[in-house]
Protein backbone atom coordinates (compact mmCIF):
# COMPACT_ATOMS: atom_id res chain seq x y z
CA MET A 1 -64.24 85.93 23.52
CA PHE A 2 -60.76 86.73 22.43
CA LYS A 3 -59.04 87.82 25.74
CA ALA A 4 -55.12 88.62 24.68
CA GLN A 5 -52.88 88.34 21.02
CA SER A 6 -51.08 84.83 22.41
CA HIS A 7 -48.42 85.09 19.92
CA VAL A 8 -47.26 86.69 16.26
CA GLY A 9 -45.76 83.54 14.40
CA LEU A 10 -42.79 84.00 11.50
CA THR A 11 -41.43 81.42 9.46
CA VAL A 12 -37.82 81.60 9.00
CA LYS A 13 -34.87 79.71 6.97
CA ASP A 14 -32.83 79.24 10.30
CA LEU A 15 -33.69 79.01 13.87
CA ASP A 16 -30.21 79.76 15.07
CA LYS A 17 -29.53 82.30 12.97
CA SER A 18 -32.86 84.15 13.31
CA ILE A 19 -31.94 83.26 17.43
CA TYR A 20 -28.86 85.44 17.35
CA PHE A 21 -30.60 88.25 15.39
CA TYR A 22 -33.82 88.43 17.77
CA ARG A 23 -32.56 87.64 20.60
CA ASP A 24 -28.82 88.79 20.59
CA LEU A 25 -28.75 91.99 18.62
CA LEU A 26 -32.64 93.22 19.24
CA GLY A 27 -32.73 91.78 22.57
CA LEU A 28 -35.87 89.69 23.12
CA GLU A 29 -35.61 87.17 25.81
CA ILE A 30 -36.56 83.77 25.01
CA GLY A 31 -39.86 82.46 26.34
CA THR A 32 -39.57 79.02 25.85
CA GLU A 33 -35.98 76.92 24.46
CA PRO A 34 -35.95 75.69 20.81
CA SER A 35 -37.76 73.04 20.08
CA PRO A 36 -37.19 69.64 18.92
CA TRP A 37 -38.23 69.11 14.76
CA PHE A 38 -41.53 67.75 14.85
CA ASP A 39 -42.39 65.27 12.42
CA HIS A 40 -45.36 63.47 13.63
CA ALA A 41 -47.97 62.65 10.90
CA GLY A 42 -50.60 64.69 12.05
CA LEU A 43 -48.83 67.70 12.59
CA GLY A 44 -49.44 68.91 8.58
CA PRO A 45 -52.44 68.67 8.85
CA ALA A 46 -52.79 70.56 11.71
CA VAL A 47 -51.06 73.73 10.37
CA GLY A 48 -52.44 73.10 6.52
CA VAL A 49 -49.25 72.47 5.62
CA PRO A 50 -49.15 68.74 4.44
CA GLY A 51 -46.02 67.20 5.08
CA ALA A 52 -44.60 69.33 7.78
CA ILE A 53 -41.44 68.96 9.87
CA LEU A 54 -40.69 72.27 11.77
CA ARG A 55 -39.04 73.77 14.88
CA GLN A 56 -40.06 76.66 16.93
CA VAL A 57 -39.00 79.00 19.88
CA CYS A 58 -40.51 81.22 21.37
CA LEU A 59 -38.99 85.08 22.04
CA LYS A 60 -40.53 87.51 24.76
CA LEU A 61 -41.59 90.31 23.28
CA GLY A 62 -43.64 92.49 25.99
CA ASP A 63 -46.77 90.93 26.92
CA THR A 64 -46.63 88.06 24.37
CA TYR A 65 -44.39 86.35 22.23
CA MET A 66 -42.90 86.03 18.67
CA GLU A 67 -42.84 82.53 17.88
CA LEU A 68 -40.19 81.30 15.57
CA LEU A 69 -40.72 78.72 13.11
CA GLU A 70 -38.31 77.09 10.50
CA TYR A 71 -39.64 73.93 8.10
CA LYS A 72 -37.37 71.28 6.85
CA ALA A 73 -40.27 70.11 5.23
CA PRO A 74 -41.80 70.92 2.37
CA GLU A 75 -39.26 73.03 0.37
CA SER A 76 -40.57 76.83 1.04
CA ASP A 77 -42.48 78.20 -2.35
CA THR A 78 -40.76 81.28 -1.83
CA GLU A 79 -36.64 83.00 -1.56
CA GLU A 80 -37.61 85.56 0.09
CA ALA A 81 -39.79 87.77 2.22
CA LEU A 82 -42.97 88.99 0.36
CA LEU A 83 -42.66 92.95 0.09
CA SER A 84 -45.01 94.77 2.49
CA ASN A 85 -47.40 95.27 -0.54
CA ASN A 86 -48.30 91.16 -1.81
CA ILE A 87 -51.49 90.41 0.24
CA GLY A 88 -50.20 87.55 2.91
CA ALA A 89 -47.14 89.89 3.71
CA SER A 90 -47.00 91.11 7.57
CA HIS A 91 -44.94 92.83 9.30
CA ILE A 92 -43.99 93.08 13.23
CA ALA A 93 -43.79 96.67 14.97
CA PHE A 94 -41.47 97.30 17.78
CA GLU A 95 -42.30 100.23 20.70
CA VAL A 96 -39.24 101.98 21.81
CA ASP A 97 -39.19 104.91 24.05
CA ASP A 98 -36.46 107.34 22.41
CA ILE A 99 -36.62 105.75 18.16
CA VAL A 100 -33.55 107.85 17.03
CA ALA A 101 -31.19 106.62 20.11
CA ALA A 102 -32.71 102.28 18.85
CA LYS A 103 -32.14 103.45 15.23
CA SER A 104 -28.55 104.42 16.39
CA LEU A 105 -27.78 101.36 18.85
CA LEU A 106 -29.39 99.11 16.06
CA GLU A 107 -26.64 100.90 13.41
CA SER A 108 -24.08 99.75 15.29
CA LYS A 109 -24.87 96.53 14.99
CA GLY A 110 -24.88 96.44 11.21
CA VAL A 111 -28.98 96.82 10.58
CA GLU A 112 -29.42 98.76 8.06
CA PHE A 113 -32.85 100.78 8.07
CA TYR A 114 -35.15 101.43 4.61
CA SER A 115 -35.38 104.83 5.59
CA ASP A 116 -34.89 107.64 8.11
CA ILE A 117 -37.36 108.19 10.97
CA ASN A 118 -40.59 109.26 9.26
CA VAL A 119 -41.80 111.66 11.41
CA VAL A 120 -46.03 112.38 11.57
CA ASP A 121 -47.89 114.64 13.60
CA GLU A 122 -51.09 115.04 11.33
CA GLY A 123 -53.82 113.10 10.57
CA VAL A 124 -54.76 109.00 12.00
CA LEU A 125 -51.12 108.39 12.91
CA ALA A 126 -50.00 111.78 14.69
CA GLY A 127 -47.86 111.64 17.06
CA TRP A 128 -46.18 108.22 15.74
CA ARG A 129 -42.16 108.34 14.80
CA TRP A 130 -41.50 104.81 12.74
CA VAL A 131 -38.89 103.32 10.58
CA TYR A 132 -38.90 100.13 8.70
CA PHE A 133 -35.62 97.42 8.34
CA ALA A 134 -35.10 93.91 7.67
CA ASP A 135 -34.36 90.42 10.16
CA PRO A 136 -31.79 88.06 7.99
CA ASP A 137 -34.37 86.83 5.87
CA GLY A 138 -35.64 89.99 4.53
CA TYR A 139 -38.80 90.03 6.61
CA PRO A 140 -39.84 93.65 7.38
CA LEU A 141 -39.65 95.38 10.89
CA GLU A 142 -40.70 98.86 12.01
CA LEU A 143 -39.05 100.58 15.40
CA VAL A 144 -41.94 102.93 16.73
CA GLU A 145 -42.23 105.49 18.55
CA TYR A 146 -45.31 107.42 20.06
CA LYS A 147 -44.28 111.07 20.90
CA TYR A 148 -47.78 111.98 22.37
CA ARG A 149 -51.06 110.27 21.41
CA ARG A 150 -54.46 111.70 20.46
CA PRO A 151 -57.05 112.97 22.20
CA LYS A 152 -59.04 109.64 22.59
CA ALA A 153 -62.60 111.68 21.94
CA ASP A 154 -61.28 112.35 18.51
CA VAL A 155 -59.82 108.57 18.09
CA ASP A 156 -63.37 107.59 19.02
CA ALA A 157 -65.09 110.02 16.71
CA GLY A 158 -63.11 108.72 13.93
CA ILE A 159 -63.57 105.33 14.33
CA ALA A 160 -67.27 105.82 15.38
CA ASN A 161 -67.89 107.60 11.36
CA TYR A 162 -66.25 105.13 9.91
CA LEU A 163 -68.72 102.54 10.84
CA ALA A 164 -71.34 104.98 10.15
CA ASN A 165 -70.42 105.35 6.83
CA ARG A 166 -67.80 102.33 5.33
CA PRO A 167 -69.08 100.12 2.60
CA PRO A 168 -71.60 97.19 2.90
CA ASN A 169 -70.33 93.80 3.66
CA LYS A 170 -69.99 92.04 0.17
């Protein structure tokens, strides 16, 4: 049924400021020019936000897109991004070849990270190197380097074990 991931959408406070961050600072390519303000009557019901007026842009990210949306109306109920533990919160992870170099480059451009690089060499995420930072709206972003991958047979066995022993669907 599903063919591929088309895009991930992210609502931002200021589209132009976010384009600067994601394009000029992080290096994502603009995939579609920024739209004008959309304000037709059918938009609100279509996006599940009554009275919606918005504009958007798509940035190319590998084989998919990252869509940034700025709403003129209605006004947001939140002042800042949700913390990762909140239901509905999410984050976007960017795969890099060299996490040390990528982190260093972004720090030289003024990006602040939550921590040092985290190294995982045991368990289901063995081989991961990761670190979080935030966009201008406080939305959590992650750099990830896969230093090595667990053998496919181990991953498949872990998935099969989970499926065989998971709790019943409620």
